[in-house]
C-alpha atoms as a PDB file:
ATOM      1  CA  LEU A   1     124.871-177.602 -14.515  1.00  0.00           C
ATOM      2  CA  LEU A   2     124.948-179.989 -17.455  1.00  0.00           C
ATOM      3  CA  ALA A   3     121.151-180.173 -17.352  1.00  0.00           C
ATOM      4  CA  LEU A   4     120.886-176.407 -17.891  1.00  0.00           C
ATOM      5  CA  ARG A   5     121.392-176.954 -21.617  1.00  0.00           C
ATOM      6  CA  LYS A   6     117.833-178.345 -21.753  1.00  0.00           C
ATOM      7  CA  PHE A   7     116.428-175.547 -19.596  1.00  0.00           C
ATOM      8  CA  PRO A   8     114.251-173.039 -21.527  1.00  0.00           C
ATOM      9  CA  ALA A   9     116.556-170.090 -22.237  1.00  0.00           C
ATOM     10  CA  ASP A  10     113.859-167.426 -22.535  1.00  0.00           C
ATOM     11  CA  TRP A  11     110.146-166.814 -22.104  1.00  0.00           C
ATOM     12  CA  ARG A  12     109.333-167.917 -25.662  1.00  0.00           C
ATOM     13  CA  GLN A  13     111.054-171.293 -25.211  1.00  0.00           C
ATOM     14  CA  TYR A  14     109.345-171.755 -21.852  1.00  0.00           C
ATOM     15  CA  ARG A  15     105.905-171.052 -23.379  1.00  0.00           C
ATOM     16  CA  ILE A  16     106.581-173.546 -26.184  1.00  0.00           C
ATOM     17  CA  ALA A  17     107.646-176.218 -23.684  1.00  0.00           C
ATOM     18  CA  ALA A  18     104.712-175.477 -21.351  1.00  0.00           C
ATOM     19  CA  THR A  19     102.200-175.595 -24.215  1.00  0.00           C
ATOM     20  CA  HIS A  20     103.738-178.829 -25.465  1.00  0.00           C
ATOM     21  CA  GLY A  21     103.538-180.320 -21.966  1.00  0.00           C
ATOM     22  CA  SER A  22      99.926-179.283 -21.404  1.00  0.00           C
ATOM     23  CA  ARG A  23      98.839-180.655 -24.780  1.00  0.00           C
ATOM     24  CA  LEU A  24     100.560-183.981 -24.228  1.00  0.00           C
ATOM     25  CA  ARG A  25      99.208-184.463 -20.699  1.00  0.00           C
ATOM     26  CA  HIS A  26     101.980-186.995 -20.226  1.00  0.00           C
ATOM     27  CA  GLY A  27     103.076-187.791 -16.684  1.00  0.00           C
ATOM     28  CA  ASP A  28     106.757-188.075 -17.547  1.00  0.00           C
ATOM     29  CA  THR A  29     106.694-184.656 -19.218  1.00  0.00           C
ATOM     30  CA  VAL A  30     105.247-183.208 -16.017  1.00  0.00           C
ATOM     31  CA  LEU A  31     108.064-184.906 -14.102  1.00  0.00           C
ATOM     32  CA  TRP A  32     110.571-183.215 -16.406  1.00  0.00           C
ATOM     33  CA  PHE A  33     109.057-179.827 -15.505  1.00  0.00           C
ATOM     34  CA  VAL A  34     109.163-180.804 -11.817  1.00  0.00           C
ATOM     35  CA  GLN A  35     112.853-181.585 -12.209  1.00  0.00           C
ATOM     36  CA  VAL A  36     113.467-178.270 -13.951  1.00  0.00           C
ATOM     37  CA  ALA A  37     111.680-176.385 -11.151  1.00  0.00           C
ATOM     38  CA  THR A  38     113.439-178.239  -8.330  1.00  0.00           C
ATOM     39  CA  GLY A  39     116.791-177.904 -10.067  1.00  0.00           C
ATOM     40  CA  PHE A  40     116.203-174.175 -10.445  1.00  0.00           C
ATOM     41  CA  ALA A  41     115.326-173.936  -6.742  1.00  0.00           C
ATOM     42  CA  MET A  42     118.443-175.883  -5.744  1.00  0.00           C
ATOM     43  CA  PHE A  43     120.573-173.577  -7.892  1.00  0.00           C
ATOM     44  CA  PHE A  44     119.691-170.730  -5.521  1.00  0.00           C
ATOM     45  CA  LEU A  45     119.169-172.581  -2.224  1.00  0.00           C
ATOM     46  CA  ALA A  46     122.232-174.845  -2.134  1.00  0.00           C
ATOM     47  CA  PRO A  47     124.872-172.072  -2.309  1.00  0.00           C
ATOM     48  CA  VAL A  48     123.472-170.483   0.861  1.00  0.00           C
ATOM     49  CA  HIS A  49     123.802-173.787   2.709  1.00  0.00           C
ATOM     50  CA  LEU A  50     127.239-174.507   1.234  1.00  0.00           C
ATOM     51  CA  TYR A  51     128.489-171.023   2.106  1.00  0.00           C
ATOM     52  CA  ALA A  52     127.409-171.499   5.726  1.00  0.00           C
ATOM     53  CA  MET A  53     129.117-174.900   5.874  1.00  0.00           C
ATOM     54  CA  PHE A  54     132.366-173.838   4.183  1.00  0.00           C
ATOM     55  CA  MET A  55     132.754-170.538   6.009  1.00  0.00           C
ATOM     56  CA  HIS A  56     131.899-171.919   9.450  1.00  0.00           C
ATOM     57  CA  PRO A  57     132.784-175.625   9.583  1.00  0.00           C
ATOM     58  CA  ASP A  58     133.329-175.234  13.327  1.00  0.00           C
ATOM     59  CA  LEU A  59     129.577-174.627  13.687  1.00  0.00           C
ATOM     60  CA  ILE A  60     128.654-178.175  12.718  1.00  0.00           C
ATOM     61  CA  GLY A  61     127.479-179.979  15.820  1.00  0.00           C
ATOM     62  CA  PRO A  62     124.312-180.623  17.816  1.00  0.00           C
ATOM     63  CA  TYR A  63     123.927-177.209  19.456  1.00  0.00           C
ATOM     64  CA  ALA A  64     125.553-175.155  16.696  1.00  0.00           C
ATOM     65  CA  SER A  65     123.414-176.762  13.982  1.00  0.00           C
ATOM     66  CA  ALA A  66     120.262-176.301  16.059  1.00  0.00           C
ATOM     67  CA  ASP A  67     121.218-172.656  16.648  1.00  0.00           C
ATOM     68  CA  ARG A  68     121.733-172.130  12.910  1.00  0.00           C
ATOM     69  CA  VAL A  69     118.407-173.772  12.067  1.00  0.00           C
ATOM     70  CA  TRP A  70     116.273-172.026  14.703  1.00  0.00           C
ATOM     71  CA  THR A  71     118.019-168.950  16.116  1.00  0.00           C
ATOM     72  CA  GLY A  72     119.745-168.214  12.806  1.00  0.00           C
ATOM     73  CA  GLY A  73     116.436-168.528  10.967  1.00  0.00           C
ATOM     74  CA  PHE A  74     117.691-171.092   8.439  1.00  0.00           C
ATOM     75  CA  TRP A  75     114.754-173.470   8.892  1.00  0.00           C
ATOM     76  CA  PRO A  76     112.720-172.087   5.920  1.00  0.00           C
ATOM     77  CA  LEU A  77     115.785-172.500   3.689  1.00  0.00           C
ATOM     78  CA  TYR A  78     116.329-176.063   4.881  1.00  0.00           C
ATOM     79  CA  LEU A  79     112.635-176.901   4.489  1.00  0.00           C
ATOM     80  CA  ALA A  80     112.621-175.682   0.873  1.00  0.00           C
ATOM     81  CA  LEU A  81     115.982-177.322   0.172  1.00  0.00           C
ATOM     82  CA  LEU A  82     114.764-180.615   1.646  1.00  0.00           C
ATOM     83  CA  PHE A  83     111.753-180.754  -0.675  1.00  0.00           C
ATOM     84  CA  ALA A  84     113.754-179.642  -3.715  1.00  0.00           C
ATOM     85  CA  VAL A  85     116.589-182.135  -3.191  1.00  0.00           C
ATOM     86  CA  GLU A  86     114.454-185.164  -2.346  1.00  0.00           C
ATOM     87  CA  VAL A  87     111.936-184.644  -5.150  1.00  0.00           C
ATOM     88  CA  HIS A  88     114.634-183.741  -7.704  1.00  0.00           C
ATOM     89  CA  GLY A  89     116.763-186.766  -6.850  1.00  0.00           C
ATOM     90  CA  SER A  90     113.905-189.266  -6.735  1.00  0.00           C
ATOM     91  CA  VAL A  91     112.388-188.034  -9.997  1.00  0.00           C
ATOM     92  CA  GLY A  92     115.862-188.113 -11.547  1.00  0.00           C
ATOM     93  CA  LEU A  93     116.387-191.736 -10.503  1.00  0.00           C
ATOM     94  CA  TYR A  94     112.990-192.650 -11.953  1.00  0.00           C
ATOM     95  CA  ARG A  95     113.776-190.903 -15.233  1.00  0.00           C
ATOM     96  CA  LEU A  96     117.186-192.584 -15.463  1.00  0.00           C
ATOM     97  CA  ALA A  97     115.648-195.999 -14.799  1.00  0.00           C
ATOM     98  CA  VAL A  98     113.100-195.410 -17.571  1.00  0.00           C
ATOM     99  CA  LYS A  99     115.660-193.972 -19.997  1.00  0.00           C
ATOM    100  CA  TRP A 100     118.197-196.760 -19.577  1.00  0.00           C
ATOM    101  CA  GLY A 101     115.642-199.551 -19.255  1.00  0.00           C
ATOM    102  CA  TRP A 102     116.646-200.624 -15.756  1.00  0.00           C
ATOM    103  CA  PHE A 103     114.143-203.080 -14.240  1.00  0.00           C
ATOM    104  CA  GLU A 104     112.193-203.068 -17.516  1.00  0.00           C
ATOM    105  CA  GLY A 105     111.165-206.696 -17.883  1.00  0.00           C
ATOM    106  CA  GLY A 106     108.672-207.782 -20.531  1.00  0.00           C
ATOM    107  CA  ASP A 107     105.969-205.168 -20.005  1.00  0.00           C
ATOM    108  CA  ALA A 108     107.189-201.559 -20.248  1.00  0.00           C
ATOM    109  CA  ARG A 109     103.927-200.069 -18.928  1.00  0.00           C
ATOM    110  CA  ALA A 110     103.895-202.303 -15.869  1.00  0.00           C
ATOM    111  CA  SER A 111     107.553-201.480 -15.336  1.00  0.00           C
ATOM    112  CA  ARG A 112     106.847-197.727 -15.427  1.00  0.00           C
ATOM    113  CA  ARG A 113     103.957-198.189 -13.035  1.00  0.00           C
ATOM    114  CA  ARG A 114     106.193-200.069 -10.566  1.00  0.00           C
ATOM    115  CA  LEU A 115     108.969-197.504 -10.978  1.00  0.00           C
ATOM    116  CA  LYS A 116     106.543-194.642 -10.288  1.00  0.00           C
ATOM    117  CA  ILE A 117     105.325-196.389  -7.148  1.00  0.00           C
ATOM    118  CA  ALA A 118     108.954-196.840  -6.089  1.00  0.00           C
ATOM    119  CA  MET A 119     109.677-193.170  -6.884  1.00  0.00           C
ATOM    120  CA  TRP A 120     106.743-191.920  -4.777  1.00  0.00           C
ATOM    121  CA  GLY A 121     107.676-194.339  -2.002  1.00  0.00           C
ATOM    122  CA  LEU A 122     111.257-193.058  -2.014  1.00  0.00           C
ATOM    123  CA  ILE A 123     110.043-189.441  -1.971  1.00  0.00           C
ATOM    124  CA  ALA A 124     107.704-190.183   0.950  1.00  0.00           C
ATOM    125  CA  PHE A 125     110.404-192.040   2.894  1.00  0.00           C
ATOM    126  CA  LEU A 126     113.103-189.406   2.367  1.00  0.00           C
ATOM    127  CA  LEU A 127     110.759-186.501   3.120  1.00  0.00           C
ATOM    128  CA  THR A 128     109.543-188.216   6.286  1.00  0.00           C
ATOM    129  CA  LEU A 129     113.123-188.827   7.383  1.00  0.00           C
ATOM    130  CA  GLY A 130     114.198-185.285   6.484  1.00  0.00           C
ATOM    131  CA  LEU A 131     111.197-183.602   8.115  1.00  0.00           C
ATOM    132  CA  THR A 132     111.713-185.651  11.274  1.00  0.00           C
ATOM    133  CA  THR A 133     115.350-184.572  11.374  1.00  0.00           C
ATOM    134  CA  LEU A 134     114.493-180.927  10.696  1.00  0.00           C
ATOM    135  CA  MET A 135     111.817-180.975  13.405  1.00  0.00           C
ATOM    136  CA  ALA A 136     114.348-182.439  15.853  1.00  0.00           C
ATOM    137  CA  GLU A 137     116.798-179.643  14.978  1.00  0.00           C
ATOM    138  CA  ILE A 138     114.062-177.028  15.422  1.00  0.00           C
ATOM    139  CA  ARG A 139     112.989-178.525  18.766  1.00  0.00           C
ATOM    140  CA  MET A 140     116.592-178.589  19.958  1.00  0.00           C
ATOM    141  CA  GLY A 141     117.062-175.019  18.712  1.00  0.00           C
ATOM    142  CA  VAL A 142     113.969-173.778  20.567  1.00  0.00           C
ATOM    143  CA  GLU A 143     115.121-175.467  23.777  1.00  0.00           C
ATOM    144  CA  HIS A 144     118.673-174.166  23.359  1.00  0.00           C
ATOM    145  CA  ALA A 145     117.706-170.621  22.260  1.00  0.00           C
ATOM    146  CA  PRO A 146     118.350-169.020  25.680  1.00  0.00           C
ATOM    147  CA  ARG A 147     121.909-170.389  25.496  1.00  0.00           C
ATOM    148  CA  ALA A 148     122.486-169.777  21.767  1.00  0.00           C
ATOM    149  CA  GLY A 149     126.158-169.934  20.903  1.00  0.00           C
ATOM    150  CA  GLU A 150     126.997-172.413  23.661  1.00  0.00           C
ATOM    151  CA  ARG A 151     128.935-175.389  22.310  1.00  0.00           C
ATOM    152  CA  TYR A 152     128.020-178.984  22.944  1.00  0.00           C
ATOM    153  CA  VAL A 153     130.390-180.816  25.283  1.00  0.00           C
ATOM    154  CA  PRO A 154     129.956-184.601  25.551  1.00  0.00           C
ATOM    155  CA  THR A 155     129.288-185.945  29.043  1.00  0.00           C
ATOM    156  CA  TRP A 156     132.542-187.899  29.068  1.00  0.00           C
ATOM    157  CA  GLN A 157     134.436-184.613  28.682  1.00  0.00           C
ATOM    158  CA  ARG A 158     132.391-182.892  31.384  1.00  0.00           C
ATOM    159  CA  GLY A 159     132.840-185.685  33.900  1.00  0.00           C
ATOM    160  CA  VAL A 160     129.069-186.084  34.310  1.00  0.00           C
ATOM    161  CA  THR A 161     127.674-189.576  34.839  1.00  0.00           C
ATOM    162  CA  ALA A 162     124.784-190.894  32.765  1.00  0.00           C
ATOM    163  CA  ALA A 163     122.513-190.893  35.830  1.00  0.00           C
ATOM    164  CA  GLU A 164     123.243-187.207  36.466  1.00  0.00           C
ATOM    165  CA  GLU A 165     122.647-186.406  32.800  1.00  0.00           C
ATOM    166  CA  ALA A 166     119.232-188.127  32.911  1.00  0.00           C
ATOM    167  CA  ARG A 167     118.056-185.814  35.716  1.00  0.00           C
END
């Protein structure tokens, strides 16, 4: 919320900032706009997720989470939230590293180039990890859809052996 003080407050301020950004054609200015857009998206997406988690903490588990993602139709929310959070956080770390001179060394341009490569690498890694996880939740939700609402019970509580579970 602290960052909202730099957010354009009205259409006129937005147009000034957008014109300024397009005239500069500066990569870091574009990243600032990306952070504004992803922060704005998170402002609306995160409360939906947090509400679901706080109001139904008992529904956090393999089957319940898969049911929420697939049967509950939350997968578009989580897909958008995944992109917003990972891009916002990675761009933010890059901007902090540039602002505070972390990893600067003798050549500032080379340092920025390396930091941008690290930023894009982090974004790619986190999005790959997040998309893999979301796809696993969706797959589990599709498979579990006929039994939606059923809770997961570990095999040791069911008295089922590992060999029986594998069948």
